Structures are given as structure tokens and as C-alpha cells.
Amino acid sequence: MSFINYSSREINCKIVYYGPGLCGKTTNLQYIYNKTAAETKGKLISLSTETDRTLFFDFLPLSLGEIRGFKTRFHLYTVPGQVFYDASRKLILKGVDGVVFVADSQIERMEANMESLENLRINLAEQGYDLNKIPYVLQYNKRDLPNAVSMEEMRKAINARNIPEYQAVAPTGVGVFDTLKAVAKLVLTELKKGG
């Protein structure tokens, strides 16, 4: 749930990038951070292991204009992809306003995508959220790889509800900002409904 700071006239929203290990969550945030103007972003915090997997979260406050005289600030997080960091995933989902599920398009990662999506549903439910009711978009990352599953198969496996979806190649930025803009728009629409 967004946090409103009346003294600074700021609305803070939390967007969480969720998905299996090494699917490109951190790469998305790094690309956004590198391509965003210095005056609109905060510090990017990344905690990684020697294998370059995110252990805890990335954090990127991103200012995206005003609503009724309040500045909106988006805080972007990733969760660790590995299942044994489930407690961290749950903690990071607390207070979430929107979710981007980053799916790995490689054929050998399809089962991991489905497991991670089910884990997202369970962890959201434990926090009192329903994935069917919160702002949520899908990103099919690694579309440039030769072993990428067809879009039809990807949709059939993880997008039965036909939610907004974007193809991406995160290291080059393909689809990265489209995904962010889509989830931000959904979050802002929800915020305007509530106020």
C-alpha cells in the first residue's frame, strides 16, 4: 500500500520485480537506473553474492510526476530468485503496490517460471494480497536467445489471465521501460481510484 507523506507532499509506491533466479530482475533495474536522469533517481543498492545473484533487494526510488499536487515516487525492488530465500521474498512483498513478474524465456527455465509464479501467489496471499486484484504485468525476458520458447507457449504456461505482457532483452533495454511504464500506470490508476 502506498505511503503518503503529507509534509513533503509525496506519494511513495512500491513495485516489486519477481521471478526465478537469473531471469533478469536485477538487469532490468540496472538498465532503468543507468538510463534514468540523476535528478529523478536515488541510490541503487544491490547486495549480491560472488555468483552475482541478488541476495536481498535492489532499491530505486524513481520520481514520475505529480498526482493532485503530490509528487509520486516509485521504489523498485527485486526479490532473490532462489527458493531458499523465501523469507526475504515475503518481507520484500510487504506493502507492495504493483508486481512485475519477469519470466525467463529459455525452454529449460519454464518449470522454474511456473514454480516462481505459484510462489508469488502464495506469498502475496500470506500478506493479504490477491494477484488477481493488484497491479501486475508480465515480462518475457531473454527473447533474443536461440532456445527461447514461443510466445504462444509462454502465454499458455504463465499468462492464462491475459494480463499485460512485454517481450524483453533486459541487457539491451528492449521492453524494459515498456514494462515499467505499464506497471506504473496500473499503480497510478489504482491510486487515483482510492483517492
N, C-alpha and C. Protein backbone atom coordinates (compact mmCIF):
# COMPACT_ATOMS: atom_id res chain seq x y z
N MET A 1 0.83 -1.17 0.00
CA MET A 1 0.00 0.00 0.00
C MET A 1 0.88 1.24 0.00
N SER A 2 0.55 2.19 -0.84
CA SER A 2 1.39 3.38 -0.98
C SER A 2 1.41 4.18 0.32
N PHE A 3 2.51 4.85 0.54
CA PHE A 3 2.71 5.66 1.73
C PHE A 3 2.65 7.13 1.31
N ILE A 4 1.80 7.90 1.98
CA ILE A 4 1.66 9.32 1.66
C ILE A 4 2.33 10.13 2.75
N ASN A 5 3.29 10.96 2.35
CA ASN A 5 3.98 11.85 3.26
C ASN A 5 3.41 13.25 3.02
N TYR A 6 2.55 13.70 3.91
CA TYR A 6 1.88 14.98 3.70
C TYR A 6 2.82 16.17 3.86
N SER A 7 3.82 16.06 4.75
CA SER A 7 4.73 17.19 4.94
C SER A 7 5.59 17.45 3.71
N SER A 8 6.03 16.38 3.03
CA SER A 8 6.83 16.58 1.81
C SER A 8 5.96 16.52 0.55
N ARG A 9 4.64 16.30 0.74
CA ARG A 9 3.68 16.19 -0.36
C ARG A 9 4.16 15.16 -1.39
N GLU A 10 4.39 13.96 -0.87
CA GLU A 10 4.94 12.89 -1.69
C GLU A 10 4.17 11.59 -1.47
N ILE A 11 3.88 10.89 -2.57
CA ILE A 11 3.26 9.57 -2.52
C ILE A 11 4.32 8.56 -2.93
N ASN A 12 4.58 7.61 -2.04
CA ASN A 12 5.60 6.59 -2.30
C ASN A 12 4.93 5.27 -2.63
N CYS A 13 5.26 4.71 -3.78
CA CYS A 13 4.69 3.45 -4.23
C CYS A 13 5.80 2.41 -4.38
N LYS A 14 5.46 1.17 -4.12
CA LYS A 14 6.43 0.09 -4.15
C LYS A 14 6.10 -0.89 -5.27
N ILE A 15 7.06 -1.08 -6.16
CA ILE A 15 6.92 -2.05 -7.25
C ILE A 15 7.99 -3.12 -7.05
N VAL A 16 7.54 -4.37 -7.08
CA VAL A 16 8.45 -5.50 -6.86
C VAL A 16 8.59 -6.31 -8.14
N TYR A 17 9.82 -6.54 -8.54
CA TYR A 17 10.16 -7.41 -9.68
C TYR A 17 10.38 -8.80 -9.09
N TYR A 18 9.60 -9.76 -9.55
CA TYR A 18 9.59 -11.11 -9.01
C TYR A 18 9.87 -12.09 -10.13
N GLY A 19 10.50 -13.21 -9.83
CA GLY A 19 10.75 -14.22 -10.85
C GLY A 19 11.82 -15.18 -10.39
N PRO A 20 12.06 -16.22 -11.19
CA PRO A 20 13.05 -17.23 -10.82
C PRO A 20 14.47 -16.66 -10.84
N GLY A 21 15.40 -17.39 -10.25
CA GLY A 21 16.80 -16.98 -10.23
C GLY A 21 17.36 -16.76 -11.62
N LEU A 22 18.14 -15.73 -11.76
CA LEU A 22 18.85 -15.39 -13.00
C LEU A 22 17.94 -15.13 -14.20
N CYS A 23 16.71 -14.67 -13.95
CA CYS A 23 15.78 -14.40 -15.06
C CYS A 23 15.96 -12.99 -15.63
N GLY A 24 16.63 -12.10 -14.89
CA GLY A 24 16.86 -10.74 -15.39
C GLY A 24 16.24 -9.63 -14.55
N LYS A 25 15.81 -9.92 -13.35
CA LYS A 25 15.21 -8.90 -12.48
C LYS A 25 16.21 -7.78 -12.19
N THR A 26 17.38 -8.16 -11.74
CA THR A 26 18.41 -7.17 -11.41
C THR A 26 18.86 -6.42 -12.67
N THR A 27 18.98 -7.12 -13.78
CA THR A 27 19.38 -6.49 -15.03
C THR A 27 18.37 -5.42 -15.44
N ASN A 28 17.07 -5.68 -15.24
CA ASN A 28 16.05 -4.67 -15.50
C ASN A 28 16.30 -3.41 -14.69
N LEU A 29 16.49 -3.57 -13.38
CA LEU A 29 16.70 -2.41 -12.52
C LEU A 29 17.99 -1.67 -12.85
N GLN A 30 19.04 -2.42 -13.17
CA GLN A 30 20.30 -1.77 -13.53
C GLN A 30 20.15 -0.96 -14.81
N TYR A 31 19.42 -1.48 -15.78
CA TYR A 31 19.20 -0.76 -17.03
C TYR A 31 18.39 0.52 -16.76
N ILE A 32 17.32 0.40 -15.99
CA ILE A 32 16.50 1.57 -15.65
C ILE A 32 17.35 2.61 -14.94
N TYR A 33 18.13 2.17 -13.99
CA TYR A 33 18.98 3.07 -13.21
C TYR A 33 19.98 3.81 -14.12
N ASN A 34 20.63 3.06 -15.00
CA ASN A 34 21.64 3.66 -15.88
C ASN A 34 21.06 4.63 -16.90
N LYS A 35 19.80 4.46 -17.26
CA LYS A 35 19.18 5.31 -18.29
C LYS A 35 18.27 6.40 -17.71
N THR A 36 18.21 6.51 -16.39
CA THR A 36 17.35 7.49 -15.74
C THR A 36 18.17 8.70 -15.33
N ALA A 37 17.60 9.90 -15.52
CA ALA A 37 18.29 11.15 -15.17
C ALA A 37 18.63 11.18 -13.68
N ALA A 38 19.79 11.69 -13.37
CA ALA A 38 20.30 11.71 -11.99
C ALA A 38 19.34 12.39 -11.01
N GLU A 39 18.67 13.44 -11.45
CA GLU A 39 17.78 14.19 -10.55
C GLU A 39 16.47 13.45 -10.24
N THR A 40 16.18 12.36 -10.95
CA THR A 40 14.93 11.64 -10.71
C THR A 40 15.13 10.30 -10.03
N LYS A 41 16.36 10.00 -9.65
CA LYS A 41 16.59 8.68 -9.04
C LYS A 41 17.39 8.80 -7.76
N GLY A 42 17.22 7.83 -6.91
CA GLY A 42 18.00 7.71 -5.70
C GLY A 42 19.15 6.76 -5.94
N LYS A 43 19.72 6.29 -4.86
CA LYS A 43 20.87 5.39 -4.95
C LYS A 43 20.39 3.96 -5.21
N LEU A 44 21.07 3.27 -6.09
CA LEU A 44 20.77 1.86 -6.36
C LEU A 44 21.58 1.02 -5.38
N ILE A 45 20.88 0.22 -4.60
CA ILE A 45 21.54 -0.64 -3.62
C ILE A 45 21.40 -2.07 -4.08
N SER A 46 22.51 -2.75 -4.24
CA SER A 46 22.47 -4.13 -4.69
C SER A 46 23.35 -4.97 -3.79
N LEU A 47 22.76 -6.02 -3.26
CA LEU A 47 23.51 -6.94 -2.41
C LEU A 47 23.60 -8.26 -3.15
N SER A 48 24.81 -8.63 -3.56
CA SER A 48 24.97 -9.83 -4.37
C SER A 48 26.02 -10.75 -3.80
N THR A 49 25.97 -11.99 -4.24
CA THR A 49 26.98 -12.97 -3.84
C THR A 49 28.08 -12.99 -4.89
N GLU A 50 29.06 -13.85 -4.69
CA GLU A 50 30.15 -13.97 -5.65
C GLU A 50 29.66 -14.52 -7.00
N THR A 51 28.47 -15.13 -7.01
CA THR A 51 27.94 -15.63 -8.28
C THR A 51 27.04 -14.60 -8.95
N ASP A 52 27.01 -13.39 -8.41
CA ASP A 52 26.29 -12.25 -8.98
C ASP A 52 24.77 -12.41 -8.93
N ARG A 53 24.26 -13.21 -8.00
CA ARG A 53 22.81 -13.33 -7.81
C ARG A 53 22.39 -12.37 -6.71
N THR A 54 21.28 -11.71 -6.90
CA THR A 54 20.79 -10.80 -5.88
C THR A 54 20.37 -11.60 -4.65
N LEU A 55 20.91 -11.26 -3.51
CA LEU A 55 20.55 -11.95 -2.29
C LEU A 55 19.38 -11.29 -1.58
N PHE A 56 19.31 -9.99 -1.63
CA PHE A 56 18.26 -9.34 -0.88
C PHE A 56 17.39 -8.47 -1.77
N PHE A 57 17.79 -7.26 -2.08
CA PHE A 57 16.94 -6.46 -2.96
C PHE A 57 17.73 -5.35 -3.63
N ASP A 58 17.16 -4.85 -4.67
CA ASP A 58 17.63 -3.63 -5.30
C ASP A 58 16.57 -2.58 -5.02
N PHE A 59 16.97 -1.35 -4.88
CA PHE A 59 16.07 -0.29 -4.48
C PHE A 59 16.33 0.93 -5.35
N LEU A 60 15.33 1.40 -6.00
CA LEU A 60 15.50 2.54 -6.90
C LEU A 60 14.29 3.46 -6.79
N PRO A 61 14.41 4.53 -5.98
CA PRO A 61 13.30 5.48 -5.97
C PRO A 61 13.31 6.25 -7.30
N LEU A 62 12.18 6.29 -7.93
CA LEU A 62 12.08 6.91 -9.25
C LEU A 62 10.88 7.85 -9.25
N SER A 63 11.12 9.10 -9.52
CA SER A 63 10.06 10.10 -9.47
C SER A 63 9.36 10.16 -10.83
N LEU A 64 8.04 10.04 -10.83
CA LEU A 64 7.30 10.03 -12.09
C LEU A 64 6.15 11.04 -12.13
N GLY A 65 6.41 12.27 -11.72
CA GLY A 65 5.39 13.31 -11.84
C GLY A 65 4.52 13.45 -10.61
N GLU A 66 3.38 14.16 -10.79
CA GLU A 66 2.53 14.50 -9.66
C GLU A 66 1.10 14.01 -9.83
N ILE A 67 0.44 13.77 -8.70
CA ILE A 67 -0.99 13.47 -8.63
C ILE A 67 -1.58 14.42 -7.61
N ARG A 68 -2.47 15.28 -8.05
CA ARG A 68 -3.15 16.24 -7.17
C ARG A 68 -2.17 17.01 -6.29
N GLY A 69 -1.09 17.47 -6.89
CA GLY A 69 -0.11 18.27 -6.14
C GLY A 69 0.89 17.46 -5.33
N PHE A 70 0.78 16.15 -5.36
CA PHE A 70 1.73 15.29 -4.67
C PHE A 70 2.69 14.69 -5.68
N LYS A 71 3.98 14.72 -5.35
CA LYS A 71 4.96 14.04 -6.20
C LYS A 71 4.80 12.53 -5.99
N THR A 72 4.93 11.77 -7.07
CA THR A 72 4.91 10.32 -6.92
C THR A 72 6.34 9.81 -7.02
N ARG A 73 6.64 8.91 -6.15
CA ARG A 73 7.97 8.30 -6.14
C ARG A 73 7.78 6.79 -6.11
N PHE A 74 8.40 6.13 -7.07
CA PHE A 74 8.32 4.68 -7.13
C PHE A 74 9.60 4.08 -6.58
N HIS A 75 9.43 3.12 -5.70
CA HIS A 75 10.55 2.38 -5.14
C HIS A 75 10.52 1.01 -5.80
N LEU A 76 11.57 0.72 -6.55
CA LEU A 76 11.64 -0.54 -7.29
C LEU A 76 12.52 -1.53 -6.54
N TYR A 77 12.00 -2.71 -6.35
CA TYR A 77 12.72 -3.77 -5.64
C TYR A 77 12.78 -5.02 -6.50
N THR A 78 13.79 -5.84 -6.28
CA THR A 78 13.77 -7.20 -6.81
C THR A 78 13.81 -8.13 -5.61
N VAL A 79 13.33 -9.33 -5.83
CA VAL A 79 13.44 -10.36 -4.80
C VAL A 79 14.53 -11.33 -5.21
N PRO A 80 15.13 -12.03 -4.24
CA PRO A 80 16.08 -13.07 -4.64
C PRO A 80 15.34 -14.18 -5.35
N GLY A 81 15.92 -14.70 -6.42
CA GLY A 81 15.24 -15.72 -7.20
C GLY A 81 15.28 -17.10 -6.58
N GLN A 82 16.26 -17.36 -5.75
CA GLN A 82 16.41 -18.70 -5.20
C GLN A 82 15.36 -18.97 -4.14
N VAL A 83 14.79 -20.17 -4.18
CA VAL A 83 13.71 -20.56 -3.29
C VAL A 83 14.11 -20.49 -1.81
N PHE A 84 15.38 -20.80 -1.50
CA PHE A 84 15.77 -20.82 -0.09
C PHE A 84 15.84 -19.43 0.53
N TYR A 85 15.58 -18.37 -0.24
CA TYR A 85 15.48 -17.02 0.31
C TYR A 85 14.02 -16.58 0.40
N ASP A 86 13.11 -17.54 0.60
CA ASP A 86 11.68 -17.25 0.60
C ASP A 86 11.29 -16.23 1.68
N ALA A 87 11.92 -16.27 2.83
CA ALA A 87 11.61 -15.31 3.90
C ALA A 87 11.90 -13.88 3.44
N SER A 88 12.98 -13.70 2.69
CA SER A 88 13.31 -12.38 2.14
C SER A 88 12.28 -11.95 1.11
N ARG A 89 11.84 -12.88 0.28
CA ARG A 89 10.81 -12.58 -0.71
C ARG A 89 9.55 -12.05 -0.04
N LYS A 90 9.12 -12.76 1.02
CA LYS A 90 7.91 -12.35 1.75
C LYS A 90 8.07 -10.96 2.34
N LEU A 91 9.21 -10.71 2.93
CA LEU A 91 9.48 -9.41 3.54
C LEU A 91 9.43 -8.29 2.50
N ILE A 92 10.03 -8.53 1.35
CA ILE A 92 10.06 -7.52 0.29
C ILE A 92 8.66 -7.26 -0.27
N LEU A 93 7.79 -8.24 -0.25
CA LEU A 93 6.42 -8.06 -0.76
C LEU A 93 5.52 -7.24 0.17
N LYS A 94 5.93 -7.05 1.43
CA LYS A 94 5.11 -6.26 2.36
C LYS A 94 4.90 -4.86 1.80
N GLY A 95 3.65 -4.43 1.76
CA GLY A 95 3.33 -3.08 1.31
C GLY A 95 3.45 -2.87 -0.18
N VAL A 96 3.45 -3.94 -0.97
CA VAL A 96 3.62 -3.83 -2.42
C VAL A 96 2.41 -3.14 -3.06
N ASP A 97 2.67 -2.30 -4.06
CA ASP A 97 1.61 -1.64 -4.82
C ASP A 97 1.46 -2.23 -6.21
N GLY A 98 2.52 -2.82 -6.75
CA GLY A 98 2.49 -3.40 -8.08
C GLY A 98 3.58 -4.44 -8.23
N VAL A 99 3.34 -5.41 -9.13
CA VAL A 99 4.29 -6.50 -9.34
C VAL A 99 4.60 -6.65 -10.82
N VAL A 100 5.89 -6.83 -11.11
CA VAL A 100 6.34 -7.24 -12.44
C VAL A 100 6.88 -8.65 -12.28
N PHE A 101 6.28 -9.60 -12.99
CA PHE A 101 6.82 -10.96 -12.97
C PHE A 101 7.72 -11.09 -14.19
N VAL A 102 9.01 -11.33 -13.94
CA VAL A 102 9.99 -11.49 -15.01
C VAL A 102 10.17 -12.98 -15.25
N ALA A 103 9.75 -13.41 -16.43
CA ALA A 103 9.87 -14.82 -16.81
C ALA A 103 11.09 -15.01 -17.70
N ASP A 104 11.80 -16.08 -17.50
CA ASP A 104 12.95 -16.44 -18.32
C ASP A 104 12.43 -17.24 -19.52
N SER A 105 12.67 -16.75 -20.72
CA SER A 105 12.11 -17.37 -21.93
C SER A 105 12.77 -18.68 -22.34
N GLN A 106 13.86 -19.05 -21.71
CA GLN A 106 14.56 -20.28 -22.11
C GLN A 106 13.73 -21.52 -21.78
N ILE A 107 13.72 -22.46 -22.70
CA ILE A 107 12.92 -23.68 -22.55
C ILE A 107 13.22 -24.40 -21.24
N GLU A 108 14.49 -24.47 -20.88
CA GLU A 108 14.86 -25.20 -19.66
C GLU A 108 14.47 -24.45 -18.37
N ARG A 109 13.96 -23.23 -18.49
CA ARG A 109 13.56 -22.44 -17.31
C ARG A 109 12.04 -22.36 -17.14
N MET A 110 11.29 -23.04 -18.00
CA MET A 110 9.83 -22.95 -17.93
C MET A 110 9.27 -23.46 -16.60
N GLU A 111 9.79 -24.57 -16.12
CA GLU A 111 9.31 -25.10 -14.84
C GLU A 111 9.62 -24.12 -13.71
N ALA A 112 10.81 -23.52 -13.74
CA ALA A 112 11.19 -22.53 -12.72
C ALA A 112 10.26 -21.32 -12.77
N ASN A 113 9.87 -20.89 -13.97
CA ASN A 113 8.92 -19.78 -14.11
C ASN A 113 7.61 -20.12 -13.41
N MET A 114 7.08 -21.30 -13.70
CA MET A 114 5.78 -21.69 -13.13
C MET A 114 5.85 -21.84 -11.61
N GLU A 115 6.96 -22.40 -11.12
CA GLU A 115 7.14 -22.53 -9.66
C GLU A 115 7.23 -21.16 -9.00
N SER A 116 7.95 -20.25 -9.63
CA SER A 116 8.12 -18.91 -9.06
C SER A 116 6.80 -18.14 -9.08
N LEU A 117 6.02 -18.30 -10.13
CA LEU A 117 4.72 -17.64 -10.22
C LEU A 117 3.78 -18.15 -9.13
N GLU A 118 3.78 -19.45 -8.91
CA GLU A 118 2.95 -20.03 -7.84
C GLU A 118 3.44 -19.54 -6.48
N ASN A 119 4.75 -19.45 -6.30
CA ASN A 119 5.33 -18.94 -5.06
C ASN A 119 4.90 -17.48 -4.84
N LEU A 120 4.85 -16.70 -5.91
CA LEU A 120 4.38 -15.31 -5.81
C LEU A 120 2.94 -15.27 -5.31
N ARG A 121 2.08 -16.08 -5.91
CA ARG A 121 0.66 -16.13 -5.49
C ARG A 121 0.55 -16.46 -3.99
N ILE A 122 1.28 -17.48 -3.56
CA ILE A 122 1.24 -17.92 -2.16
C ILE A 122 1.75 -16.82 -1.23
N ASN A 123 2.90 -16.24 -1.57
CA ASN A 123 3.48 -15.22 -0.71
C ASN A 123 2.61 -13.96 -0.65
N LEU A 124 1.98 -13.59 -1.76
CA LEU A 124 1.06 -12.45 -1.74
C LEU A 124 -0.14 -12.76 -0.85
N ALA A 125 -0.69 -13.95 -0.99
CA ALA A 125 -1.86 -14.35 -0.19
C ALA A 125 -1.53 -14.29 1.30
N GLU A 126 -0.32 -14.72 1.67
CA GLU A 126 0.09 -14.66 3.07
C GLU A 126 0.16 -13.23 3.58
N GLN A 127 0.36 -12.27 2.68
CA GLN A 127 0.42 -10.85 3.04
C GLN A 127 -0.96 -10.19 2.94
N GLY A 128 -1.96 -10.98 2.51
CA GLY A 128 -3.31 -10.43 2.38
C GLY A 128 -3.62 -9.84 1.01
N TYR A 129 -2.80 -10.16 0.01
CA TYR A 129 -3.00 -9.65 -1.36
C TYR A 129 -3.48 -10.77 -2.27
N ASP A 130 -4.17 -10.37 -3.32
CA ASP A 130 -4.63 -11.30 -4.34
C ASP A 130 -3.99 -10.88 -5.65
N LEU A 131 -3.22 -11.77 -6.26
CA LEU A 131 -2.54 -11.45 -7.52
C LEU A 131 -3.54 -11.03 -8.60
N ASN A 132 -4.77 -11.50 -8.50
CA ASN A 132 -5.80 -11.13 -9.48
C ASN A 132 -6.30 -9.70 -9.29
N LYS A 133 -5.96 -9.08 -8.16
CA LYS A 133 -6.52 -7.76 -7.85
C LYS A 133 -5.49 -6.64 -7.74
N ILE A 134 -4.21 -6.97 -7.74
CA ILE A 134 -3.22 -5.90 -7.65
C ILE A 134 -2.64 -5.60 -9.03
N PRO A 135 -2.11 -4.39 -9.22
CA PRO A 135 -1.45 -4.07 -10.50
C PRO A 135 -0.31 -5.06 -10.76
N TYR A 136 -0.38 -5.67 -11.95
CA TYR A 136 0.52 -6.78 -12.23
C TYR A 136 0.74 -6.89 -13.73
N VAL A 137 2.01 -6.97 -14.14
CA VAL A 137 2.35 -7.17 -15.55
C VAL A 137 3.40 -8.28 -15.66
N LEU A 138 3.47 -8.87 -16.84
CA LEU A 138 4.43 -9.93 -17.13
C LEU A 138 5.49 -9.43 -18.10
N GLN A 139 6.71 -9.83 -17.85
CA GLN A 139 7.78 -9.55 -18.81
C GLN A 139 8.42 -10.88 -19.21
N TYR A 140 8.45 -11.14 -20.51
CA TYR A 140 9.12 -12.33 -21.03
C TYR A 140 10.53 -11.90 -21.42
N ASN A 141 11.48 -12.18 -20.58
CA ASN A 141 12.85 -11.73 -20.80
C ASN A 141 13.64 -12.79 -21.59
N LYS A 142 14.77 -12.37 -22.12
CA LYS A 142 15.70 -13.23 -22.86
C LYS A 142 15.09 -13.72 -24.18
N ARG A 143 14.29 -12.86 -24.81
CA ARG A 143 13.64 -13.22 -26.07
C ARG A 143 14.63 -13.37 -27.22
N ASP A 144 15.85 -12.90 -27.04
CA ASP A 144 16.87 -12.96 -28.09
C ASP A 144 17.61 -14.29 -28.14
N LEU A 145 17.41 -15.14 -27.17
CA LEU A 145 18.18 -16.38 -27.11
C LEU A 145 17.62 -17.44 -28.06
N PRO A 146 18.50 -18.26 -28.62
CA PRO A 146 18.06 -19.28 -29.58
C PRO A 146 17.14 -20.35 -28.98
N ASN A 147 17.23 -20.56 -27.67
CA ASN A 147 16.40 -21.58 -27.02
C ASN A 147 15.15 -20.99 -26.36
N ALA A 148 14.75 -19.79 -26.81
CA ALA A 148 13.55 -19.14 -26.26
C ALA A 148 12.29 -19.87 -26.72
N VAL A 149 11.40 -20.10 -25.78
CA VAL A 149 10.12 -20.74 -26.05
C VAL A 149 9.25 -19.77 -26.85
N SER A 150 8.38 -20.29 -27.71
CA SER A 150 7.50 -19.42 -28.49
C SER A 150 6.60 -18.61 -27.56
N MET A 151 6.17 -17.44 -28.02
CA MET A 151 5.29 -16.60 -27.22
C MET A 151 3.98 -17.33 -26.91
N GLU A 152 3.50 -18.10 -27.85
CA GLU A 152 2.26 -18.84 -27.64
C GLU A 152 2.40 -19.80 -26.44
N GLU A 153 3.53 -20.52 -26.40
CA GLU A 153 3.77 -21.45 -25.29
C GLU A 153 3.95 -20.71 -23.96
N MET A 154 4.65 -19.56 -24.00
CA MET A 154 4.86 -18.76 -22.79
C MET A 154 3.51 -18.33 -22.23
N ARG A 155 2.67 -17.79 -23.11
CA ARG A 155 1.34 -17.32 -22.67
C ARG A 155 0.53 -18.47 -22.07
N LYS A 156 0.55 -19.60 -22.74
CA LYS A 156 -0.22 -20.76 -22.29
C LYS A 156 0.24 -21.20 -20.89
N ALA A 157 1.54 -21.16 -20.66
CA ALA A 157 2.11 -21.63 -19.40
C ALA A 157 1.91 -20.66 -18.24
N ILE A 158 2.05 -19.34 -18.50
CA ILE A 158 2.04 -18.42 -17.35
C ILE A 158 1.16 -17.18 -17.49
N ASN A 159 0.37 -17.10 -18.55
CA ASN A 159 -0.49 -15.92 -18.68
C ASN A 159 -1.91 -16.29 -19.07
N ALA A 160 -2.50 -17.20 -18.34
CA ALA A 160 -3.87 -17.64 -18.62
C ALA A 160 -4.88 -16.49 -18.49
N ARG A 161 -4.59 -15.52 -17.62
CA ARG A 161 -5.50 -14.39 -17.39
C ARG A 161 -5.36 -13.28 -18.43
N ASN A 162 -4.38 -13.42 -19.33
CA ASN A 162 -4.17 -12.42 -20.37
C ASN A 162 -3.88 -11.02 -19.79
N ILE A 163 -3.00 -10.97 -18.81
CA ILE A 163 -2.61 -9.68 -18.24
C ILE A 163 -1.62 -9.00 -19.19
N PRO A 164 -1.37 -7.70 -19.00
CA PRO A 164 -0.41 -7.02 -19.88
C PRO A 164 0.95 -7.72 -19.87
N GLU A 165 1.51 -7.90 -21.06
CA GLU A 165 2.76 -8.64 -21.19
C GLU A 165 3.70 -7.93 -22.15
N TYR A 166 5.00 -8.09 -21.89
CA TYR A 166 6.01 -7.41 -22.69
C TYR A 166 7.17 -8.35 -22.95
N GLN A 167 7.65 -8.34 -24.19
CA GLN A 167 8.84 -9.10 -24.52
C GLN A 167 10.05 -8.22 -24.21
N ALA A 168 11.13 -8.84 -23.74
CA ALA A 168 12.28 -8.03 -23.34
C ALA A 168 13.60 -8.74 -23.59
N VAL A 169 14.62 -7.90 -23.70
CA VAL A 169 16.02 -8.31 -23.69
C VAL A 169 16.67 -7.29 -22.75
N ALA A 170 16.62 -7.59 -21.46
CA ALA A 170 16.99 -6.61 -20.43
C ALA A 170 18.37 -5.97 -20.59
N PRO A 171 19.43 -6.71 -20.94
CA PRO A 171 20.75 -6.06 -21.04
C PRO A 171 20.80 -4.93 -22.07
N THR A 172 19.99 -5.05 -23.13
CA THR A 172 19.98 -4.01 -24.17
C THR A 172 18.84 -3.02 -23.98
N GLY A 173 17.96 -3.28 -23.02
CA GLY A 173 16.86 -2.37 -22.72
C GLY A 173 15.58 -2.62 -23.49
N VAL A 174 15.57 -3.59 -24.38
CA VAL A 174 14.36 -3.89 -25.14
C VAL A 174 13.25 -4.30 -24.16
N GLY A 175 12.15 -3.57 -24.17
CA GLY A 175 11.00 -3.88 -23.34
C GLY A 175 11.08 -3.48 -21.88
N VAL A 176 12.24 -3.01 -21.43
CA VAL A 176 12.44 -2.70 -20.01
C VAL A 176 11.56 -1.52 -19.57
N PHE A 177 11.63 -0.41 -20.29
CA PHE A 177 10.83 0.76 -19.90
C PHE A 177 9.36 0.56 -20.23
N ASP A 178 9.04 -0.21 -21.27
CA ASP A 178 7.64 -0.51 -21.57
C ASP A 178 7.00 -1.24 -20.39
N THR A 179 7.73 -2.18 -19.83
CA THR A 179 7.24 -2.94 -18.68
C THR A 179 7.04 -2.02 -17.47
N LEU A 180 8.04 -1.20 -17.17
CA LEU A 180 7.96 -0.29 -16.03
C LEU A 180 6.81 0.69 -16.19
N LYS A 181 6.68 1.28 -17.38
CA LYS A 181 5.60 2.25 -17.61
C LYS A 181 4.24 1.60 -17.43
N ALA A 182 4.10 0.35 -17.90
CA ALA A 182 2.81 -0.34 -17.80
C ALA A 182 2.42 -0.58 -16.34
N VAL A 183 3.35 -1.07 -15.53
CA VAL A 183 3.01 -1.33 -14.13
C VAL A 183 2.81 -0.02 -13.38
N ALA A 184 3.62 1.01 -13.69
CA ALA A 184 3.46 2.31 -13.03
C ALA A 184 2.08 2.90 -13.35
N LYS A 185 1.66 2.78 -14.59
CA LYS A 185 0.34 3.29 -14.99
C LYS A 185 -0.78 2.57 -14.23
N LEU A 186 -0.66 1.25 -14.10
CA LEU A 186 -1.66 0.48 -13.34
C LEU A 186 -1.69 0.89 -11.87
N VAL A 187 -0.51 1.10 -11.28
CA VAL A 187 -0.43 1.53 -9.88
C VAL A 187 -1.06 2.90 -9.71
N LEU A 188 -0.74 3.82 -10.60
CA LEU A 188 -1.30 5.17 -10.52
C LEU A 188 -2.83 5.16 -10.70
N THR A 189 -3.31 4.31 -11.60
CA THR A 189 -4.77 4.18 -11.81
C THR A 189 -5.44 3.70 -10.53
N GLU A 190 -4.84 2.70 -9.86
CA GLU A 190 -5.37 2.21 -8.58
C GLU A 190 -5.35 3.30 -7.52
N LEU A 191 -4.26 4.06 -7.50
CA LEU A 191 -4.09 5.14 -6.53
C LEU A 191 -5.16 6.22 -6.72
N LYS A 192 -5.44 6.55 -7.97
CA LYS A 192 -6.46 7.57 -8.26
C LYS A 192 -7.85 7.07 -7.88
N LYS A 193 -8.11 5.76 -8.05
CA LYS A 193 -9.40 5.19 -7.64
C LYS A 193 -9.61 5.34 -6.13
N GLY A 194 -8.54 5.10 -5.39
CA GLY A 194 -8.61 5.14 -3.93
C GLY A 194 -8.71 6.53 -3.35
N GLY A 195 -8.38 7.54 -4.13
CA GLY A 195 -8.38 8.90 -3.59
C GLY A 195 -9.42 9.66 -4.24
